[in-house]
PDB file of N, CA and C in Angstrom:
ATOM      1  N   MET A   1      78.530  96.402  87.743  1.00  0.00           N
ATOM      2  CA  MET A   1      78.646  96.973  89.139  1.00  0.00           C
ATOM      3  C   MET A   1      77.862  97.801  89.045  1.00  0.00           C
ATOM      4  N   THR A   2      77.303  98.064  90.316  1.00  0.00           N
ATOM      5  CA  THR A   2      75.396  98.520  90.512  1.00  0.00           C
ATOM      6  C   THR A   2      76.013 100.692  90.412  1.00  0.00           C
ATOM      7  N   ASN A   3      74.250 101.335  90.543  1.00  0.00           N
ATOM      8  CA  ASN A   3      74.453 102.661  90.768  1.00  0.00           C
ATOM      9  C   ASN A   3      75.122 103.337  91.954  1.00  0.00           C
ATOM     10  N   THR A   4      74.784 102.284  93.186  1.00  0.00           N
ATOM     11  CA  THR A   4      75.026 102.828  94.174  1.00  0.00           C
ATOM     12  C   THR A   4      77.129 102.441  94.441  1.00  0.00           C
ATOM     13  N   PRO A   5      77.883 103.031  95.283  1.00  0.00           N
ATOM     14  CA  PRO A   5      78.922 102.389  95.260  1.00  0.00           C
ATOM     15  C   PRO A   5      78.722 101.471  96.216  1.00  0.00           C
ATOM     16  N   TRP A   6      77.660 101.378  97.768  1.00  0.00           N
ATOM     17  CA  TRP A   6      77.267 101.350  99.033  1.00  0.00           C
ATOM     18  C   TRP A   6      76.539  99.609  98.623  1.00  0.00           C
ATOM     19  N   GLU A   7      76.330  99.782  97.704  1.00  0.00           N
ATOM     20  CA  GLU A   7      75.837  98.174  97.410  1.00  0.00           C
ATOM     21  C   GLU A   7      77.217  97.208  96.561  1.00  0.00           C
ATOM     22  N   ALA A   8      77.498  97.814  95.328  1.00  0.00           N
ATOM     23  CA  ALA A   8      79.069  96.925  94.935  1.00  0.00           C
ATOM     24  C   ALA A   8      80.171  97.107  95.958  1.00  0.00           C
ATOM     25  N   ALA A   9      80.723  97.526  96.872  1.00  0.00           N
ATOM     26  CA  ALA A   9      82.180  97.772  98.298  1.00  0.00           C
ATOM     27  C   ALA A   9      81.487  96.271  98.523  1.00  0.00           C
ATOM     28  N   SER A  10      82.797  95.697  99.321  1.00  0.00           N
ATOM     29  CA  SER A  10      82.493  94.726  98.898  1.00  0.00           C
ATOM     30  C   SER A  10      82.728  94.893 100.582  1.00  0.00           C
ATOM     31  N   GLN A  11      82.757  93.524 100.213  1.00  0.00           N
ATOM     32  CA  GLN A  11      82.814  93.514 102.859  1.00  0.00           C
ATOM     33  C   GLN A  11      83.285  93.784 103.736  1.00  0.00           C
ATOM     34  N   HIS A  12      84.802  93.629 103.446  1.00  0.00           N
ATOM     35  CA  HIS A  12      85.631  94.277 103.613  1.00  0.00           C
ATOM     36  C   HIS A  12      85.610  95.580 103.842  1.00  0.00           C
ATOM     37  N   TYR A  13      85.144  96.540 102.587  1.00  0.00           N
ATOM     38  CA  TYR A  13      85.783  98.154 102.839  1.00  0.00           C
ATOM     39  C   TYR A  13      85.046  98.004 103.046  1.00  0.00           C
ATOM     40  N   LYS A  14      83.196  97.577 103.865  1.00  0.00           N
ATOM     41  CA  LYS A  14      82.020  98.073 104.784  1.00  0.00           C
ATOM     42  C   LYS A  14      82.300  97.742 106.168  1.00  0.00           C
ATOM     43  N   LYS A  15      82.839  96.507 106.471  1.00  0.00           N
ATOM     44  CA  LYS A  15      83.450  96.630 107.843  1.00  0.00           C
ATOM     45  C   LYS A  15      84.410  97.976 108.361  1.00  0.00           C
ATOM     46  N   ILE A  16      84.785  98.110 107.373  1.00  0.00           N
ATOM     47  CA  ILE A  16      86.140  99.228 107.682  1.00  0.00           C
ATOM     48  C   ILE A  16      85.904 100.864 107.885  1.00  0.00           C
ATOM     49  N   VAL A  17      84.552 100.680 107.350  1.00  0.00           N
ATOM     50  CA  VAL A  17      84.023 102.129 106.633  1.00  0.00           C
ATOM     51  C   VAL A  17      83.361 102.343 108.945  1.00  0.00           C
ATOM     52  N   PHE A  18      83.005 100.852 108.904  1.00  0.00           N
ATOM     53  CA  PHE A  18      81.806 101.452 109.735  1.00  0.00           C
ATOM     54  C   PHE A  18      82.051 101.465 111.007  1.00  0.00           C
ATOM     55  N   THR A  19      83.842 100.316 111.546  1.00  0.00           N
ATOM     56  CA  THR A  19      84.837 100.937 112.215  1.00  0.00           C
ATOM     57  C   THR A  19      85.593 102.201 113.076  1.00  0.00           C
ATOM     58  N   ALA A  20      85.631 102.402 111.534  1.00  0.00           N
ATOM     59  CA  ALA A  20      86.224 104.086 111.444  1.00  0.00           C
ATOM     60  C   ALA A  20      84.308 105.957 111.847  1.00  0.00           C
ATOM     61  N   MET A  21      84.020 105.083 111.689  1.00  0.00           N
ATOM     62  CA  MET A  21      82.514 106.153 111.993  1.00  0.00           C
ATOM     63  C   MET A  21      82.178 105.334 113.010  1.00  0.00           C
ATOM     64  N   GLY A  22      82.057 104.094 113.075  1.00  0.00           N
ATOM     65  CA  GLY A  22      82.172 103.984 115.228  1.00  0.00           C
ATOM     66  C   GLY A  22      83.083 104.479 116.074  1.00  0.00           C
ATOM     67  N   THR A  23      84.781 104.852 115.453  1.00  0.00           N
ATOM     68  CA  THR A  23      85.776 105.064 116.464  1.00  0.00           C
ATOM     69  C   THR A  23      85.877 107.149 116.969  1.00  0.00           C
ATOM     70  N   ILE A  24      84.969 107.360 115.354  1.00  0.00           N
ATOM     71  CA  ILE A  24      85.284 108.467 115.282  1.00  0.00           C
ATOM     72  C   ILE A  24      84.287 109.533 116.350  1.00  0.00           C
ATOM     73  N   GLY A  25      82.454 108.770 115.483  1.00  0.00           N
ATOM     74  CA  GLY A  25      81.445 109.312 116.558  1.00  0.00           C
ATOM     75  C   GLY A  25      81.995 109.245 117.969  1.00  0.00           C
ATOM     76  N   LEU A  26      82.882 108.058 119.243  1.00  0.00           N
ATOM     77  CA  LEU A  26      82.600 107.632 120.267  1.00  0.00           C
ATOM     78  C   LEU A  26      83.747 109.337 121.109  1.00  0.00           C
ATOM     79  N   GLY A  27      84.921 109.286 120.032  1.00  0.00           N
ATOM     80  CA  GLY A  27      86.415 109.908 120.141  1.00  0.00           C
ATOM     81  C   GLY A  27      85.131 111.460 120.141  1.00  0.00           C
ATOM     82  N   ILE A  28      84.558 112.119 119.853  1.00  0.00           N
ATOM     83  CA  ILE A  28      83.803 113.329 119.026  1.00  0.00           C
ATOM     84  C   ILE A  28      83.235 113.345 120.684  1.00  0.00           C
ATOM     85  N   ILE A  29      82.587 111.910 121.080  1.00  0.00           N
ATOM     86  CA  ILE A  29      81.710 112.472 122.335  1.00  0.00           C
ATOM     87  C   ILE A  29      82.217 112.154 123.886  1.00  0.00           C
ATOM     88  N   LEU A  30      83.345 111.497 123.278  1.00  0.00           N
ATOM     89  CA  LEU A  30      84.378 111.681 124.744  1.00  0.00           C
ATOM     90  C   LEU A  30      85.186 113.097 124.355  1.00  0.00           C
ATOM     91  N   THR A  31      85.115 113.889 123.583  1.00  0.00           N
ATOM     92  CA  THR A  31      85.955 115.218 123.326  1.00  0.00           C
ATOM     93  C   THR A  31      84.981 115.880 123.831  1.00  0.00           C
ATOM     94  N   ILE A  32      83.685 115.853 124.185  1.00  0.00           N
ATOM     95  CA  ILE A  32      81.689 116.788 125.072  1.00  0.00           C
ATOM     96  C   ILE A  32      83.104 116.471 126.216  1.00  0.00           C
ATOM     97  N   ILE A  33      82.770 114.724 126.460  1.00  0.00           N
ATOM     98  CA  ILE A  33      82.813 114.673 127.647  1.00  0.00           C
ATOM     99  C   ILE A  33      83.331 115.479 128.635  1.00  0.00           C
ATOM    100  N   GLY A  34      84.747 115.449 128.353  1.00  0.00           N
ATOM    101  CA  GLY A  34      85.944 115.306 128.507  1.00  0.00           C
ATOM    102  C   GLY A  34      86.630 116.830 129.225  1.00  0.00           C
ATOM    103  N   SER A  35      85.665 117.952 128.149  1.00  0.00           N
ATOM    104  CA  SER A  35      86.092 119.813 127.686  1.00  0.00           C
ATOM    105  C   SER A  35      84.785 120.019 128.244  1.00  0.00           C
ATOM    106  N   VAL A  36      83.887 119.115 128.396  1.00  0.00           N
ATOM    107  CA  VAL A  36      83.177 120.106 129.374  1.00  0.00           C
ATOM    108  C   VAL A  36      83.233 119.637 131.340  1.00  0.00           C
ATOM    109  N   ASN A  37      83.722 118.430 131.403  1.00  0.00           N
ATOM    110  CA  ASN A  37      83.850 118.346 132.981  1.00  0.00           C
ATOM    111  C   ASN A  37      85.511 118.532 133.392  1.00  0.00           C
ATOM    112  N   HIS A  38      86.368 119.065 132.517  1.00  0.00           N
ATOM    113  CA  HIS A  38      87.861 119.401 132.769  1.00  0.00           C
ATOM    114  C   HIS A  38      87.915 117.907 133.002  1.00  0.00           C
ATOM    115  N   ILE A  39      88.260 117.181 132.087  1.00  0.00           N
ATOM    116  CA  ILE A  39      88.649 115.957 132.310  1.00  0.00           C
ATOM    117  C   ILE A  39      90.320 115.251 131.422  1.00  0.00           C
ATOM    118  N   ARG A  40      91.105 115.442 131.773  1.00  0.00           N
ATOM    119  CA  ARG A  40      92.066 115.342 130.767  1.00  0.00           C
ATOM    120  C   ARG A  40      92.668 114.272 129.732  1.00  0.00           C
ATOM    121  N   PRO A  41      92.293 112.930 131.109  1.00  0.00           N
ATOM    122  CA  PRO A  41      92.924 111.740 130.531  1.00  0.00           C
ATOM    123  C   PRO A  41      92.048 111.026 129.883  1.00  0.00           C
ATOM    124  N   VAL A  42      90.016 111.684 129.855  1.00  0.00           N
ATOM    125  CA  VAL A  42      89.871 111.719 128.606  1.00  0.00           C
ATOM    126  C   VAL A  42      90.040 112.264 127.087  1.00  0.00           C
ATOM    127  N   LEU A  43      90.609 113.274 127.858  1.00  0.00           N
ATOM    128  CA  LEU A  43      91.064 114.435 127.115  1.00  0.00           C
ATOM    129  C   LEU A  43      91.785 113.791 125.050  1.00  0.00           C
ATOM    130  N   TYR A  44      92.224 112.842 126.146  1.00  0.00           N
ATOM    131  CA  TYR A  44      94.126 112.427 125.575  1.00  0.00           C
ATOM    132  C   TYR A  44      93.472 110.540 124.989  1.00  0.00           C
ATOM    133  N   VAL A  45      92.059 110.329 124.846  1.00  0.00           N
ATOM    134  CA  VAL A  45      91.826 108.658 125.200  1.00  0.00           C
ATOM    135  C   VAL A  45      90.627 109.025 123.527  1.00  0.00           C
ATOM    136  N   ALA A  46      90.284 110.442 123.497  1.00  0.00           N
ATOM    137  CA  ALA A  46      89.337 110.587 122.419  1.00  0.00           C
ATOM    138  C   ALA A  46      90.323 111.211 121.206  1.00  0.00           C
ATOM    139  N   ILE A  47      91.155 111.590 121.756  1.00  0.00           N
ATOM    140  CA  ILE A  47      92.310 112.501 120.933  1.00  0.00           C
ATOM    141  C   ILE A  47      92.387 111.200 119.732  1.00  0.00           C
ATOM    142  N   GLY A  48      93.256 110.135 120.826  1.00  0.00           N
ATOM    143  CA  GLY A  48      93.393 108.443 120.515  1.00  0.00           C
ATOM    144  C   GLY A  48      92.455 107.591 119.534  1.00  0.00           C
ATOM    145  N   LEU A  49      90.567 107.849 119.575  1.00  0.00           N
ATOM    146  CA  LEU A  49      89.947 106.862 119.054  1.00  0.00           C
ATOM    147  C   LEU A  49      90.224 107.938 118.074  1.00  0.00           C
ATOM    148  N   LEU A  50      89.952 109.580 118.320  1.00  0.00           N
ATOM    149  CA  LEU A  50      90.086 110.437 116.325  1.00  0.00           C
ATOM    150  C   LEU A  50      90.485 109.751 115.365  1.00  0.00           C
ATOM    151  N   VAL A  51      92.219 109.700 116.622  1.00  0.00           N
ATOM    152  CA  VAL A  51      93.298 109.440 115.312  1.00  0.00           C
ATOM    153  C   VAL A  51      93.007 108.011 114.483  1.00  0.00           C
ATOM    154  N   ILE A  52      92.283 106.743 115.557  1.00  0.00           N
ATOM    155  CA  ILE A  52      92.462 105.882 115.239  1.00  0.00           C
ATOM    156  C   ILE A  52      91.277 105.638 113.681  1.00  0.00           C
ATOM    157  N   GLY A  53      90.441 106.001 113.910  1.00  0.00           N
ATOM    158  CA  GLY A  53      89.076 105.640 113.766  1.00  0.00           C
ATOM    159  C   GLY A  53      89.291 107.280 111.447  1.00  0.00           C
ATOM    160  N   MET A  54      90.443 107.594 112.174  1.00  0.00           N
ATOM    161  CA  MET A  54      90.743 108.680 110.574  1.00  0.00           C
ATOM    162  C   MET A  54      91.641 107.727 109.556  1.00  0.00           C
ATOM    163  N   LEU A  55      92.759 107.446 110.419  1.00  0.00           N
ATOM    164  CA  LEU A  55      93.671 105.988 110.287  1.00  0.00           C
ATOM    165  C   LEU A  55      92.560 104.672 109.450  1.00  0.00           C
ATOM    166  N   CYS A  56      91.305 104.677 109.376  1.00  0.00           N
ATOM    167  CA  CYS A  56      90.403 103.478 109.795  1.00  0.00           C
ATOM    168  C   CYS A  56      90.250 104.343 108.742  1.00  0.00           C
ATOM    169  N   HIS A  57      89.535 105.280 108.338  1.00  0.00           N
ATOM    170  CA  HIS A  57      88.993 105.815 106.835  1.00  0.00           C
ATOM    171  C   HIS A  57      89.206 105.960 106.166  1.00  0.00           C
ATOM    172  N   VAL A  58      91.058 106.110 106.317  1.00  0.00           N
ATOM    173  CA  VAL A  58      92.705 106.340 105.059  1.00  0.00           C
ATOM    174  C   VAL A  58      92.311 104.527 104.389  1.00  0.00           C
ATOM    175  N   ALA A  59      91.874 103.610 106.013  1.00  0.00           N
ATOM    176  CA  ALA A  59      91.954 102.244 104.742  1.00  0.00           C
ATOM    177  C   ALA A  59      91.417 102.643 103.723  1.00  0.00           C
ATOM    178  N   GLY A  60      89.922 102.723 104.126  1.00  0.00           N
ATOM    179  CA  GLY A  60      89.215 102.329 103.623  1.00  0.00           C
ATOM    180  C   GLY A  60      89.218 102.763 102.435  1.00  0.00           C
ATOM    181  N   LEU A  61      89.627 104.701 101.821  1.00  0.00           N
ATOM    182  CA  LEU A  61      90.072 104.953 100.518  1.00  0.00           C
ATOM    183  C   LEU A  61      90.720 103.906  99.994  1.00  0.00           C
ATOM    184  N   VAL A  62      91.267 102.769 100.283  1.00  0.00           N
ATOM    185  CA  VAL A  62      92.734 102.730  99.704  1.00  0.00           C
ATOM    186  C   VAL A  62      92.199 101.138  99.315  1.00  0.00           C
ATOM    187  N   ILE A  63      91.027 100.597  99.739  1.00  0.00           N
ATOM    188  CA  ILE A  63      90.095  98.992  99.580  1.00  0.00           C
ATOM    189  C   ILE A  63      89.538 100.079  98.386  1.00  0.00           C
ATOM    190  N   ARG A  64      88.989 100.584  98.325  1.00  0.00           N
ATOM    191  CA  ARG A  64      87.724 100.941  97.602  1.00  0.00           C
ATOM    192  C   ARG A  64      88.463 101.364  96.475  1.00  0.00           C
ATOM    193  N   ALA A  65      90.104 102.252  96.299  1.00  0.00           N
ATOM    194  CA  ALA A  65      90.093 102.486  94.827  1.00  0.00           C
ATOM    195  C   ALA A  65      90.795 101.270  94.577  1.00  0.00           C
ATOM    196  N   ARG A  66      91.526  99.670  95.788  1.00  0.00           N
ATOM    197  CA  ARG A  66      91.904  98.131  94.926  1.00  0.00           C
ATOM    198  C   ARG A  66      90.728  98.401  94.350  1.00  0.00           C
ATOM    199  N   ASP A  67      89.401  97.771  94.845  1.00  0.00           N
ATOM    200  CA  ASP A  67      88.132  97.101  94.579  1.00  0.00           C
ATOM    201  C   ASP A  67      87.370  97.943  93.095  1.00  0.00           C
ATOM    202  N   ALA A  68      87.653  99.400  92.821  1.00  0.00           N
ATOM    203  CA  ALA A  68      87.265  99.931  92.134  1.00  0.00           C
ATOM    204  C   ALA A  68      88.384  99.464  90.682  1.00  0.00           C
ATOM    205  N   ARG A  69      89.804  99.530  91.158  1.00  0.00           N
ATOM    206  CA  ARG A  69      90.507  98.939  89.812  1.00  0.00           C
ATOM    207  C   ARG A  69      90.723  97.727  89.627  1.00  0.00           C
ATOM    208  N   ASN A  70      90.228  97.504  90.378  1.00  0.00           N
ATOM    209  CA  ASN A  70      90.111  95.557  90.227  1.00  0.00           C
ATOM    210  C   ASN A  70      88.260  95.252  89.093  1.00  0.00           C
ATOM    211  N   TRP A  71      87.406  96.166  89.494  1.00  0.00           N
ATOM    212  CA  TRP A  71      86.234  96.636  88.866  1.00  0.00           C
ATOM    213  C   TRP A  71      86.575  96.672  87.567  1.00  0.00           C
ATOM    214  N   ARG A  72      87.815  97.730  87.247  1.00  0.00           N
ATOM    215  CA  ARG A  72      87.679  98.370  86.062  1.00  0.00           C
ATOM    216  C   ARG A  72      88.239  97.096  85.341  1.00  0.00           C
ATOM    217  N   ILE A  73      89.995  96.663  85.560  1.00  0.00           N
ATOM    218  CA  ILE A  73      90.404  94.966  84.855  1.00  0.00           C
ATOM    219  C   ILE A  73      89.409  94.394  84.601  1.00  0.00           C
ATOM    220  N   ALA A  74      88.222  93.866  85.222  1.00  0.00           N
ATOM    221  CA  ALA A  74      88.319  92.204  85.293  1.00  0.00           C
ATOM    222  C   ALA A  74      86.616  93.169  84.008  1.00  0.00           C
ATOM    223  N   ASN A  75      86.481  94.668  83.757  1.00  0.00           N
ATOM    224  CA  ASN A  75      84.842  94.491  82.653  1.00  0.00           C
ATOM    225  C   ASN A  75      86.454  95.278  81.207  1.00  0.00           C
ATOM    226  N   GLY A  76      88.019  95.115  81.141  1.00  0.00           N
ATOM    227  CA  GLY A  76      88.411  95.431  80.001  1.00  0.00           C
ATOM    228  C   GLY A  76      88.244  96.887  79.904  1.00  0.00           C
ATOM    229  N   LEU A  77      87.793  96.859  81.395  1.00  0.00           N
ATOM    230  CA  LEU A  77      88.407  99.676  80.528  1.00  0.00           C
ATOM    231  C   LEU A  77      89.588  99.804  81.189  1.00  0.00           C
ATOM    232  N   ALA A  78      90.795  98.667  81.901  1.00  0.00           N
ATOM    233  CA  ALA A  78      92.260  99.572  82.354  1.00  0.00           C
ATOM    234  C   ALA A  78      92.726  98.003  81.710  1.00  0.00           C
ATOM    235  N   THR A  79      94.251  98.661  81.841  1.00  0.00           N
ATOM    236  CA  THR A  79      94.521  97.493  82.354  1.00  0.00           C
ATOM    237  C   THR A  79      95.939  96.473  83.330  1.00  0.00           C
ATOM    238  N   PRO A  80      95.585  96.063  83.170  1.00  0.00           N
ATOM    239  CA  PRO A  80      96.926  95.527  84.393  1.00  0.00           C
ATOM    240  C   PRO A  80      97.891  95.719  84.976  1.00  0.00           C
ATOM    241  N   LYS A  81      98.657  96.284  85.353  1.00  0.00           N
ATOM    242  CA  LYS A  81      99.425  96.912  85.655  1.00  0.00           C
ATOM    243  C   LYS A  81     100.612  96.106  85.894  1.00  0.00           C
ATOM    244  N   ALA A  82     102.065  96.417  84.571  1.00  0.00           N
ATOM    245  CA  ALA A  82     102.694  95.710  84.525  1.00  0.00           C
ATOM    246  C   ALA A  82     103.915  95.306  85.720  1.00  0.00           C
ATOM    247  N   LYS A  83     105.021  93.378  85.346  1.00  0.00           N
ATOM    248  CA  LYS A  83     104.953  92.890  86.705  1.00  0.00           C
ATOM    249  C   LYS A  83     106.688  94.255  86.382  1.00  0.00           C
ATOM    250  N   LYS A  84     107.523  93.870  87.349  1.00  0.00           N
ATOM    251  CA  LYS A  84     109.171  94.970  86.634  1.00  0.00           C
ATOM    252  C   LYS A  84     109.684  93.846  87.263  1.00  0.00           C
ATOM    253  N   ASN A  85     110.951  93.876  86.336  1.00  0.00           N
ATOM    254  CA  ASN A  85     111.647  92.435  86.735  1.00  0.00           C
ATOM    255  C   ASN A  85     112.401  93.568  87.215  1.00  0.00           C
ATOM    256  N   LYS A  86     112.852  92.299  88.363  1.00  0.00           N
ATOM    257  CA  LYS A  86     114.280  93.164  89.376  1.00  0.00           C
ATOM    258  C   LYS A  86     115.807  92.625  88.813  1.00  0.00           C
ATOM    259  N   GLY A  87     115.687  91.894  88.089  1.00  0.00           N
ATOM    260  CA  GLY A  87     116.706  91.506  86.773  1.00  0.00           C
ATOM    261  C   GLY A  87     117.675  92.217  85.880  1.00  0.00           C
ATOM    262  N   SER A  88     116.693  92.917  85.864  1.00  0.00           N
ATOM    263  CA  SER A  88     117.621  94.118  84.792  1.00  0.00           C
ATOM    264  C   SER A  88     117.118  95.402  85.198  1.00  0.00           C
ATOM    265  N   GLY A  89     117.684  97.109  85.306  1.00  0.00           N
ATOM    266  CA  GLY A  89     117.317  97.880  85.344  1.00  0.00           C
ATOM    267  C   GLY A  89     118.698  98.662  85.923  1.00  0.00           C
ATOM    268  N   GLY A  90     118.859  99.944  86.373  1.00  0.00           N
ATOM    269  CA  GLY A  90     118.861 101.271  87.192  1.00  0.00           C
ATOM    270  C   GLY A  90     120.166 101.514  87.208  1.00  0.00           C
ATOM    271  N   ASN A  91     121.036 100.865  88.533  1.00  0.00           N
ATOM    272  CA  ASN A  91     122.960 100.875  89.216  1.00  0.00           C
ATOM    273  C   ASN A  91     123.170 100.205  87.892  1.00  0.00           C
TER     274      ASN A  91
END
């Protein structure tokens, strides 16, 4: 792994981060346009884009955490999670 997380990031992570930034940016621009011109439908679309952008951002965080965990396992810094037995346990 390199010194910067961006260089070590997977292509899937990079795509989802750019998608999140684009949708949030478009949502902010539409929010400004809708509020200055008092156009409610544009504001509702902007809110939807902001929500989609935030969901993409959270998905990017999950992907980044998964990639970091896989890197630690591959380099012997962490152990894989143990598999759960379906037959034993509980009730």
